[in-house]
Amino acid sequence: AAAVGAGGALTAARTRTLAGTPAYRPPEALEGLVTPAFDVFSLGVCLYELLTKRLPFGTEGPAGGGPKFTPASELVASLHPAVDKLLSASLAFDRADRLARVASFRKALKAL
């Protein structure tokens, strides 16, 4: 079932197909749940990998490694602490704790 938000935008959908490459998909992908927060998680993984040359949860993603990841600033000392804050908000294991929209991710990234 899909939920329709303001302006008719799709806010959530359930699918029987597992979407995404394991390293880049959020935990809720295993439930077939796709929301805008799914994309935020994937962007967070990409940003983390670009900055550290590592995947935050390994090749199996959060399903294989659990909700913890090494803060990027521990791997790259020159990073500003605000980068860790953005990554934490993007890579939160629980989607309720994650940035809800790509626009929020973009705004926070632009502020860095």
C-alpha atoms as a PDB file:
ATOM      1  CA  ALA A   1       0.000   0.000   0.000  1.00  0.00           C
ATOM      2  CA  ALA A   2       1.184   3.503  -0.718  1.00  0.00           C
ATOM      3  CA  ALA A   3       0.528   6.620   1.305  1.00  0.00           C
ATOM      4  CA  VAL A   4      -0.057   9.843  -0.547  1.00  0.00           C
ATOM      5  CA  GLY A   5       1.150  13.026   1.095  1.00  0.00           C
ATOM      6  CA  ALA A   6       0.593  16.705   0.421  1.00  0.00           C
ATOM      7  CA  GLY A   7       0.415  17.557  -3.245  1.00  0.00           C
ATOM      8  CA  GLY A   8      -0.135  13.907  -4.177  1.00  0.00           C
ATOM      9  CA  ALA A   9       3.487  12.908  -3.517  1.00  0.00           C
ATOM     10  CA  LEU A  10       4.138   9.263  -2.776  1.00  0.00           C
ATOM     11  CA  THR A  11       5.412   9.049   0.798  1.00  0.00           C
ATOM     12  CA  ALA A  12       5.668   5.278   1.271  1.00  0.00           C
ATOM     13  CA  ALA A  13       5.167   2.102  -0.669  1.00  0.00           C
ATOM     14  CA  ARG A  14       5.426  -1.607   0.017  1.00  0.00           C
ATOM     15  CA  THR A  15       6.841  -3.890  -2.579  1.00  0.00           C
ATOM     16  CA  ARG A  16       7.502  -7.598  -2.793  1.00  0.00           C
ATOM     17  CA  THR A  17      10.766  -6.874  -4.555  1.00  0.00           C
ATOM     18  CA  LEU A  18      13.904  -6.209  -2.559  1.00  0.00           C
ATOM     19  CA  ALA A  19      15.284  -2.973  -3.961  1.00  0.00           C
ATOM     20  CA  GLY A  20      18.832  -1.683  -3.958  1.00  0.00           C
ATOM     21  CA  THR A  21      22.386  -2.901  -3.614  1.00  0.00           C
ATOM     22  CA  PRO A  22      22.886  -4.269  -0.063  1.00  0.00           C
ATOM     23  CA  ALA A  23      25.597  -1.774   0.928  1.00  0.00           C
ATOM     24  CA  TYR A  24      23.420   1.188  -0.088  1.00  0.00           C
ATOM     25  CA  ARG A  25      19.956   0.172   1.059  1.00  0.00           C
ATOM     26  CA  PRO A  26      18.477   0.912   4.469  1.00  0.00           C
ATOM     27  CA  PRO A  27      17.243  -1.726   6.920  1.00  0.00           C
ATOM     28  CA  GLU A  28      13.591  -1.203   5.971  1.00  0.00           C
ATOM     29  CA  ALA A  29      14.357  -2.431   2.449  1.00  0.00           C
ATOM     30  CA  LEU A  30      14.246  -5.973   3.861  1.00  0.00           C
ATOM     31  CA  GLU A  31      10.585  -5.314   4.704  1.00  0.00           C
ATOM     32  CA  GLY A  32       9.885  -4.045   1.190  1.00  0.00           C
ATOM     33  CA  LEU A  33       9.266  -0.533   2.511  1.00  0.00           C
ATOM     34  CA  VAL A  34      10.320   2.306   0.214  1.00  0.00           C
ATOM     35  CA  THR A  35      10.065   5.920   1.410  1.00  0.00           C
ATOM     36  CA  PRO A  36      11.957   9.145   0.701  1.00  0.00           C
ATOM     37  CA  ALA A  37      14.115   8.259   3.730  1.00  0.00           C
ATOM     38  CA  PHE A  38      15.328   5.247   1.700  1.00  0.00           C
ATOM     39  CA  ASP A  39      16.995   7.659  -0.734  1.00  0.00           C
ATOM     40  CA  VAL A  40      18.446   9.728   2.113  1.00  0.00           C
ATOM     41  CA  PHE A  41      20.089   6.592   3.509  1.00  0.00           C
ATOM     42  CA  SER A  42      21.580   5.750   0.112  1.00  0.00           C
ATOM     43  CA  LEU A  43      22.916   9.293  -0.260  1.00  0.00           C
ATOM     44  CA  GLY A  44      24.429   9.054   3.214  1.00  0.00           C
ATOM     45  CA  VAL A  45      26.233   5.851   2.237  1.00  0.00           C
ATOM     46  CA  CYS A  46      27.533   7.531  -0.941  1.00  0.00           C
ATOM     47  CA  LEU A  47      28.764  10.579   0.974  1.00  0.00           C
ATOM     48  CA  TYR A  48      30.436   8.406   3.612  1.00  0.00           C
ATOM     49  CA  GLU A  49      32.141   6.336   0.930  1.00  0.00           C
ATOM     50  CA  LEU A  50      33.296   9.423  -0.981  1.00  0.00           C
ATOM     51  CA  LEU A  51      34.830  10.922   2.148  1.00  0.00           C
ATOM     52  CA  THR A  52      36.365   7.794   3.701  1.00  0.00           C
ATOM     53  CA  LYS A  53      36.800   5.357   0.797  1.00  0.00           C
ATOM     54  CA  ARG A  54      34.885   2.825   2.920  1.00  0.00           C
ATOM     55  CA  LEU A  55      31.305   1.644   3.159  1.00  0.00           C
ATOM     56  CA  PRO A  56      29.806   2.551   6.546  1.00  0.00           C
ATOM     57  CA  PHE A  57      28.233  -0.892   7.090  1.00  0.00           C
ATOM     58  CA  GLY A  58      30.394  -3.038   4.817  1.00  0.00           C
ATOM     59  CA  THR A  59      29.290  -4.721   1.602  1.00  0.00           C
ATOM     60  CA  GLU A  60      26.282  -6.373   3.247  1.00  0.00           C
ATOM     61  CA  GLY A  61      24.887  -3.043   4.466  1.00  0.00           C
ATOM     62  CA  PRO A  62      23.251  -2.513   7.853  1.00  0.00           C
ATOM     63  CA  ALA A  63      21.547  -5.915   7.726  1.00  0.00           C
ATOM     64  CA  GLY A  64      24.953  -7.573   7.858  1.00  0.00           C
ATOM     65  CA  GLY A  65      26.717  -5.245  10.273  1.00  0.00           C
ATOM     66  CA  GLY A  66      24.068  -3.747  12.520  1.00  0.00           C
ATOM     67  CA  PRO A  67      23.286  -0.105  13.187  1.00  0.00           C
ATOM     68  CA  LYS A  68      26.775   1.111  14.154  1.00  0.00           C
ATOM     69  CA  PHE A  69      29.389   2.655  11.907  1.00  0.00           C
ATOM     70  CA  THR A  70      32.691   4.410  12.576  1.00  0.00           C
ATOM     71  CA  PRO A  71      32.275   8.208  12.502  1.00  0.00           C
ATOM     72  CA  ALA A  72      33.869   9.571   9.339  1.00  0.00           C
ATOM     73  CA  SER A  73      35.970  12.033  11.329  1.00  0.00           C
ATOM     74  CA  GLU A  74      37.730   9.119  13.029  1.00  0.00           C
ATOM     75  CA  LEU A  75      38.862   7.933   9.605  1.00  0.00           C
ATOM     76  CA  VAL A  76      39.570  11.366   8.099  1.00  0.00           C
ATOM     77  CA  ALA A  77      40.822  13.736  10.800  1.00  0.00           C
ATOM     78  CA  SER A  78      40.368  16.852   8.672  1.00  0.00           C
ATOM     79  CA  LEU A  79      36.576  16.482   8.503  1.00  0.00           C
ATOM     80  CA  HIS A  80      34.437  18.994  10.365  1.00  0.00           C
ATOM     81  CA  PRO A  81      32.258  17.507  13.148  1.00  0.00           C
ATOM     82  CA  ALA A  82      29.164  18.725  11.277  1.00  0.00           C
ATOM     83  CA  VAL A  83      29.895  16.064   8.647  1.00  0.00           C
ATOM     84  CA  ASP A  84      29.453  13.359  11.289  1.00  0.00           C
ATOM     85  CA  LYS A  85      26.188  14.967  12.330  1.00  0.00           C
ATOM     86  CA  LEU A  86      24.863  14.876   8.753  1.00  0.00           C
ATOM     87  CA  LEU A  87      26.002  11.296   8.289  1.00  0.00           C
ATOM     88  CA  SER A  88      24.385  10.213  11.549  1.00  0.00           C
ATOM     89  CA  ALA A  89      21.132  11.865  10.495  1.00  0.00           C
ATOM     90  CA  SER A  90      21.329  10.180   7.089  1.00  0.00           C
ATOM     91  CA  LEU A  91      22.426   6.727   8.198  1.00  0.00           C
ATOM     92  CA  ALA A  92      20.165   6.289  11.220  1.00  0.00           C
ATOM     93  CA  PHE A  93      19.133   2.642  11.457  1.00  0.00           C
ATOM     94  CA  ASP A  94      15.573   3.590  12.408  1.00  0.00           C
ATOM     95  CA  ARG A  95      13.983   5.576   9.581  1.00  0.00           C
ATOM     96  CA  ALA A  96      12.038   7.653  12.129  1.00  0.00           C
ATOM     97  CA  ASP A  97      15.413   9.021  13.305  1.00  0.00           C
ATOM     98  CA  ARG A  98      16.675   9.661   9.775  1.00  0.00           C
ATOM     99  CA  LEU A  99      16.335  12.808   7.683  1.00  0.00           C
ATOM    100  CA  ALA A 100      12.976  12.350   6.006  1.00  0.00           C
ATOM    101  CA  ARG A 101      13.636  13.984   2.640  1.00  0.00           C
ATOM    102  CA  VAL A 102      16.436  14.429   0.117  1.00  0.00           C
ATOM    103  CA  ALA A 103      15.809  18.192   0.236  1.00  0.00           C
ATOM    104  CA  SER A 104      16.794  18.163   3.926  1.00  0.00           C
ATOM    105  CA  PHE A 105      19.966  16.223   3.087  1.00  0.00           C
ATOM    106  CA  ARG A 106      20.810  18.678   0.297  1.00  0.00           C
ATOM    107  CA  LYS A 107      20.212  21.684   2.564  1.00  0.00           C
ATOM    108  CA  ALA A 108      22.464  20.268   5.305  1.00  0.00           C
ATOM    109  CA  LEU A 109      25.156  19.332   2.804  1.00  0.00           C
ATOM    110  CA  LYS A 110      25.044  22.785   1.256  1.00  0.00           C
ATOM    111  CA  ALA A 111      25.437  24.343   4.723  1.00  0.00           C
ATOM    112  CA  LEU A 112      28.692  22.418   5.200  1.00  0.00           C
END
